[in-house]
Amino acid sequence: MKNQELTKVDLVHLKQCLSLAEQALEAGDEPFGSILVNIENEVIATARNRVNELTVLAHPEIELAHWAAENLSEEERKQTIMYTSGEHCTMCAAAHGWVGLGTVVYLSSAKQLGEWLEKVHMPIRFSPLQSIVPGISVKGPATGELLEKIKALQLKSHGISK
């Protein structure tokens, strides 16, 4: 499915993801934050990267996929939107697909992150979300100030100056 344009509502939720990403960076983690929003446009769960606190698998998208599997019906999961500061890694995309969550709206794409961090060794290859979860509805990336803010956080977390 082709990426769709972001709305004003999307941008409000992405700002919350950016705030969670900032909190993760302040806690010594890589800057990733995500939220789940139900069909009534209510934020029902939030998470930030907790790799330094827990394990290298403590990505917010995984945490929210677990939460959704335990707390939402199959139909509710289909209608839930995950907003996130960065497009899912392969592990998180698979969890999203297995749980059956709905649309993903991201601030920055996996391709952008790979380009920003090309000088840093990454243990995996980034892939578009749709290549892992065929047919998923995806919106993003953002442009302008929000995108520049997440880029700055990502560069800072890896000790890269602009």
C-alpha atoms as a PDB file:
ATOM      1  CA  MET A   1       0.000   0.000   0.000  1.00  0.00           C
ATOM      2  CA  LYS A   2       1.354   3.444  -0.929  1.00  0.00           C
ATOM      3  CA  ASN A   3       2.370   5.817   1.875  1.00  0.00           C
ATOM      4  CA  GLN A   4      -0.325   8.368   2.691  1.00  0.00           C
ATOM      5  CA  GLU A   5      -0.013  12.051   3.614  1.00  0.00           C
ATOM      6  CA  LEU A   6       0.152  13.075   7.279  1.00  0.00           C
ATOM      7  CA  THR A   7      -2.745  14.999   8.822  1.00  0.00           C
ATOM      8  CA  LYS A   8      -2.753  17.606  11.613  1.00  0.00           C
ATOM      9  CA  VAL A   9      -3.931  14.880  14.008  1.00  0.00           C
ATOM     10  CA  ASP A  10      -1.034  12.661  12.904  1.00  0.00           C
ATOM     11  CA  LEU A  11       1.424  15.463  13.612  1.00  0.00           C
ATOM     12  CA  VAL A  12       0.038  15.953  17.135  1.00  0.00           C
ATOM     13  CA  HIS A  13       0.580  12.269  17.887  1.00  0.00           C
ATOM     14  CA  LEU A  14       4.028  12.278  16.283  1.00  0.00           C
ATOM     15  CA  LYS A  15       5.013  15.166  18.571  1.00  0.00           C
ATOM     16  CA  GLN A  16       4.198  12.891  21.517  1.00  0.00           C
ATOM     17  CA  CYS A  17       6.410  10.194  19.974  1.00  0.00           C
ATOM     18  CA  LEU A  18       9.192  12.758  19.626  1.00  0.00           C
ATOM     19  CA  SER A  19       8.812  13.630  23.309  1.00  0.00           C
ATOM     20  CA  LEU A  20       9.092   9.936  24.236  1.00  0.00           C
ATOM     21  CA  ALA A  21      12.179   9.665  22.018  1.00  0.00           C
ATOM     22  CA  GLU A  22      13.716  12.627  23.857  1.00  0.00           C
ATOM     23  CA  GLN A  23      12.965  10.908  27.184  1.00  0.00           C
ATOM     24  CA  ALA A  24      14.656   7.737  25.928  1.00  0.00           C
ATOM     25  CA  LEU A  25      17.776   9.683  24.920  1.00  0.00           C
ATOM     26  CA  GLU A  26      17.862  11.452  28.295  1.00  0.00           C
ATOM     27  CA  ALA A  27      17.737   8.006  29.949  1.00  0.00           C
ATOM     28  CA  GLY A  28      20.734   6.838  27.902  1.00  0.00           C
ATOM     29  CA  ASP A  29      18.836   4.951  25.216  1.00  0.00           C
ATOM     30  CA  GLU A  30      18.489   5.466  21.492  1.00  0.00           C
ATOM     31  CA  PRO A  31      15.720   7.986  20.756  1.00  0.00           C
ATOM     32  CA  PHE A  32      12.637   5.982  19.876  1.00  0.00           C
ATOM     33  CA  GLY A  33       9.115   6.483  21.200  1.00  0.00           C
ATOM     34  CA  SER A  34       5.743   5.082  20.161  1.00  0.00           C
ATOM     35  CA  ILE A  35       2.057   5.293  21.072  1.00  0.00           C
ATOM     36  CA  LEU A  36      -1.098   3.347  20.311  1.00  0.00           C
ATOM     37  CA  VAL A  37      -4.245   5.277  19.401  1.00  0.00           C
ATOM     38  CA  ASN A  38      -7.690   3.679  19.310  1.00  0.00           C
ATOM     39  CA  ILE A  39     -10.579   4.292  16.922  1.00  0.00           C
ATOM     40  CA  GLU A  40     -11.816   7.184  19.125  1.00  0.00           C
ATOM     41  CA  ASN A  41      -8.414   8.895  18.663  1.00  0.00           C
ATOM     42  CA  GLU A  42      -7.488   8.255  22.321  1.00  0.00           C
ATOM     43  CA  VAL A  43      -3.922   7.395  23.275  1.00  0.00           C
ATOM     44  CA  ILE A  44      -4.272   3.995  24.958  1.00  0.00           C
ATOM     45  CA  ALA A  45      -0.609   3.040  25.510  1.00  0.00           C
ATOM     46  CA  THR A  46       2.831   4.640  25.263  1.00  0.00           C
ATOM     47  CA  ALA A  47       6.379   3.288  25.278  1.00  0.00           C
ATOM     48  CA  ARG A  48       9.935   4.441  24.740  1.00  0.00           C
ATOM     49  CA  ASN A  49      13.162   2.639  24.002  1.00  0.00           C
ATOM     50  CA  ARG A  50      14.442   0.806  27.116  1.00  0.00           C
ATOM     51  CA  VAL A  51      17.394  -1.071  25.662  1.00  0.00           C
ATOM     52  CA  ASN A  52      19.821   0.132  28.352  1.00  0.00           C
ATOM     53  CA  GLU A  53      17.373  -0.726  31.159  1.00  0.00           C
ATOM     54  CA  LEU A  54      16.197  -4.136  29.935  1.00  0.00           C
ATOM     55  CA  THR A  55      17.613  -5.855  26.817  1.00  0.00           C
ATOM     56  CA  VAL A  56      18.573  -4.998  23.241  1.00  0.00           C
ATOM     57  CA  LEU A  57      15.065  -6.153  22.296  1.00  0.00           C
ATOM     58  CA  ALA A  58      13.288  -3.531  24.438  1.00  0.00           C
ATOM     59  CA  HIS A  59      12.019  -1.469  21.526  1.00  0.00           C
ATOM     60  CA  PRO A  60       8.813   0.526  22.110  1.00  0.00           C
ATOM     61  CA  GLU A  61       7.037  -1.058  19.150  1.00  0.00           C
ATOM     62  CA  ILE A  62       7.608  -4.554  20.608  1.00  0.00           C
ATOM     63  CA  GLU A  63       6.356  -3.411  24.015  1.00  0.00           C
ATOM     64  CA  LEU A  64       3.207  -1.970  22.457  1.00  0.00           C
ATOM     65  CA  ALA A  65       2.620  -5.087  20.339  1.00  0.00           C
ATOM     66  CA  HIS A  66       2.774  -7.184  23.537  1.00  0.00           C
ATOM     67  CA  TRP A  67       0.441  -4.757  25.287  1.00  0.00           C
ATOM     68  CA  ALA A  68      -2.052  -4.867  22.413  1.00  0.00           C
ATOM     69  CA  ALA A  69      -1.993  -8.683  22.292  1.00  0.00           C
ATOM     70  CA  GLU A  70      -2.792  -8.829  26.006  1.00  0.00           C
ATOM     71  CA  ASN A  71      -5.336  -5.999  26.208  1.00  0.00           C
ATOM     72  CA  LEU A  72      -7.174  -5.632  22.904  1.00  0.00           C
ATOM     73  CA  SER A  73      -9.464  -7.870  20.888  1.00  0.00           C
ATOM     74  CA  GLU A  74      -8.474  -8.856  17.371  1.00  0.00           C
ATOM     75  CA  GLU A  75     -10.919  -6.289  15.949  1.00  0.00           C
ATOM     76  CA  GLU A  76      -9.628  -3.532  18.248  1.00  0.00           C
ATOM     77  CA  ARG A  77      -6.042  -4.296  17.189  1.00  0.00           C
ATOM     78  CA  LYS A  78      -6.981  -3.969  13.506  1.00  0.00           C
ATOM     79  CA  GLN A  79      -8.423  -0.505  14.212  1.00  0.00           C
ATOM     80  CA  THR A  80      -5.510   0.689  16.362  1.00  0.00           C
ATOM     81  CA  ILE A  81      -2.926   3.048  14.900  1.00  0.00           C
ATOM     82  CA  MET A  82       0.681   2.900  16.029  1.00  0.00           C
ATOM     83  CA  TYR A  83       2.454   6.237  15.878  1.00  0.00           C
ATOM     84  CA  THR A  84       6.207   6.009  16.170  1.00  0.00           C
ATOM     85  CA  SER A  85       9.283   8.192  15.940  1.00  0.00           C
ATOM     86  CA  GLY A  86      10.909   5.850  13.435  1.00  0.00           C
ATOM     87  CA  GLU A  87       9.734   3.250  10.967  1.00  0.00           C
ATOM     88  CA  HIS A  88       9.853  -0.215  12.518  1.00  0.00           C
ATOM     89  CA  CYS A  89      12.948  -2.375  12.363  1.00  0.00           C
ATOM     90  CA  THR A  90      12.391  -5.869  10.979  1.00  0.00           C
ATOM     91  CA  MET A  91      11.811  -7.357  14.448  1.00  0.00           C
ATOM     92  CA  CYS A  92       9.211  -4.741  15.375  1.00  0.00           C
ATOM     93  CA  ALA A  93       7.520  -4.940  11.968  1.00  0.00           C
ATOM     94  CA  ALA A  94       7.098  -8.695  12.389  1.00  0.00           C
ATOM     95  CA  ALA A  95       5.614  -8.228  15.876  1.00  0.00           C
ATOM     96  CA  HIS A  96       3.223  -5.592  14.504  1.00  0.00           C
ATOM     97  CA  GLY A  97       2.120  -7.963  11.763  1.00  0.00           C
ATOM     98  CA  TRP A  98       1.768 -11.039  13.978  1.00  0.00           C
ATOM     99  CA  VAL A  99      -0.371  -9.136  16.494  1.00  0.00           C
ATOM    100  CA  GLY A 100      -2.510  -7.704  13.697  1.00  0.00           C
ATOM    101  CA  LEU A 101      -2.222  -4.009  14.517  1.00  0.00           C
ATOM    102  CA  GLY A 102      -3.547  -1.480  12.021  1.00  0.00           C
ATOM    103  CA  THR A 103      -1.921   1.523  10.385  1.00  0.00           C
ATOM    104  CA  VAL A 104       1.600   2.697  11.205  1.00  0.00           C
ATOM    105  CA  VAL A 105       2.399   6.399  11.148  1.00  0.00           C
ATOM    106  CA  TYR A 106       6.085   7.220  11.475  1.00  0.00           C
ATOM    107  CA  LEU A 107       8.156  10.353  11.860  1.00  0.00           C
ATOM    108  CA  SER A 108      11.250   9.116  10.012  1.00  0.00           C
ATOM    109  CA  SER A 109      11.707   6.196   7.644  1.00  0.00           C
ATOM    110  CA  ALA A 110      14.082   3.262   8.001  1.00  0.00           C
ATOM    111  CA  LYS A 111      15.816   4.466   4.829  1.00  0.00           C
ATOM    112  CA  GLN A 112      16.383   7.922   6.347  1.00  0.00           C
ATOM    113  CA  LEU A 113      17.754   6.423   9.563  1.00  0.00           C
ATOM    114  CA  GLY A 114      20.123   4.239   7.566  1.00  0.00           C
ATOM    115  CA  GLU A 115      21.363   7.268   5.632  1.00  0.00           C
ATOM    116  CA  TRP A 116      21.805   9.353   8.793  1.00  0.00           C
ATOM    117  CA  LEU A 117      23.744   6.585  10.519  1.00  0.00           C
ATOM    118  CA  GLU A 118      25.685   5.231   7.538  1.00  0.00           C
ATOM    119  CA  LYS A 119      28.991   5.701   9.390  1.00  0.00           C
ATOM    120  CA  VAL A 120      27.785   3.639  12.358  1.00  0.00           C
ATOM    121  CA  HIS A 121      27.864  -0.155  12.249  1.00  0.00           C
ATOM    122  CA  MET A 122      24.295  -1.466  12.359  1.00  0.00           C
ATOM    123  CA  PRO A 123      23.711  -5.173  13.071  1.00  0.00           C
ATOM    124  CA  ILE A 124      20.723  -5.401  10.704  1.00  0.00           C
ATOM    125  CA  ARG A 125      19.660  -4.104   7.318  1.00  0.00           C
ATOM    126  CA  PHE A 126      16.742  -1.678   7.399  1.00  0.00           C
ATOM    127  CA  SER A 127      13.777  -2.593   5.199  1.00  0.00           C
ATOM    128  CA  PRO A 128      10.551  -0.797   4.375  1.00  0.00           C
ATOM    129  CA  LEU A 129       7.741  -1.875   6.680  1.00  0.00           C
ATOM    130  CA  GLN A 130       5.602  -2.992   3.746  1.00  0.00           C
ATOM    131  CA  SER A 131       8.262  -5.540   2.739  1.00  0.00           C
ATOM    132  CA  ILE A 132       7.790  -7.271   6.123  1.00  0.00           C
ATOM    133  CA  VAL A 133       4.012  -6.764   6.536  1.00  0.00           C
ATOM    134  CA  PRO A 134       2.502  -6.776   3.023  1.00  0.00           C
ATOM    135  CA  GLY A 135      -0.625  -4.677   2.569  1.00  0.00           C
ATOM    136  CA  ILE A 136      -0.176  -2.653   5.766  1.00  0.00           C
ATOM    137  CA  SER A 137      -1.325   0.961   5.685  1.00  0.00           C
ATOM    138  CA  VAL A 138       1.636   3.293   6.296  1.00  0.00           C
ATOM    139  CA  LYS A 139       1.881   7.052   6.665  1.00  0.00           C
ATOM    140  CA  GLY A 140       5.154   8.940   6.810  1.00  0.00           C
ATOM    141  CA  PRO A 141       7.749  10.217   6.924  1.00  0.00           C
ATOM    142  CA  ALA A 142       7.162  13.707   8.250  1.00  0.00           C
ATOM    143  CA  THR A 143       8.919  16.735   6.848  1.00  0.00           C
ATOM    144  CA  GLY A 144      10.189  20.001   8.241  1.00  0.00           C
ATOM    145  CA  GLU A 145      10.867  20.756  11.881  1.00  0.00           C
ATOM    146  CA  LEU A 146       9.679  17.435  13.338  1.00  0.00           C
ATOM    147  CA  LEU A 147      11.870  15.447  10.961  1.00  0.00           C
ATOM    148  CA  GLU A 148      14.865  17.663  11.712  1.00  0.00           C
ATOM    149  CA  LYS A 149      14.337  17.176  15.458  1.00  0.00           C
ATOM    150  CA  ILE A 150      14.307  13.377  15.269  1.00  0.00           C
ATOM    151  CA  LYS A 151      17.316  13.448  12.958  1.00  0.00           C
ATOM    152  CA  ALA A 152      19.217  15.591  15.479  1.00  0.00           C
ATOM    153  CA  LEU A 153      18.303  13.171  18.291  1.00  0.00           C
ATOM    154  CA  GLN A 154      19.459  10.167  16.258  1.00  0.00           C
ATOM    155  CA  LEU A 155      22.761  11.818  15.342  1.00  0.00           C
ATOM    156  CA  LYS A 156      23.332  12.895  18.951  1.00  0.00           C
ATOM    157  CA  SER A 157      22.664   9.384  20.261  1.00  0.00           C
ATOM    158  CA  HIS A 158      25.468   8.060  18.043  1.00  0.00           C
ATOM    159  CA  GLY A 159      27.885  10.923  18.690  1.00  0.00           C
ATOM    160  CA  ILE A 160      27.606  12.262  15.146  1.00  0.00           C
ATOM    161  CA  SER A 161      27.717  15.995  14.602  1.00  0.00           C
ATOM    162  CA  LYS A 162      25.773  17.513  11.712  1.00  0.00           C
END
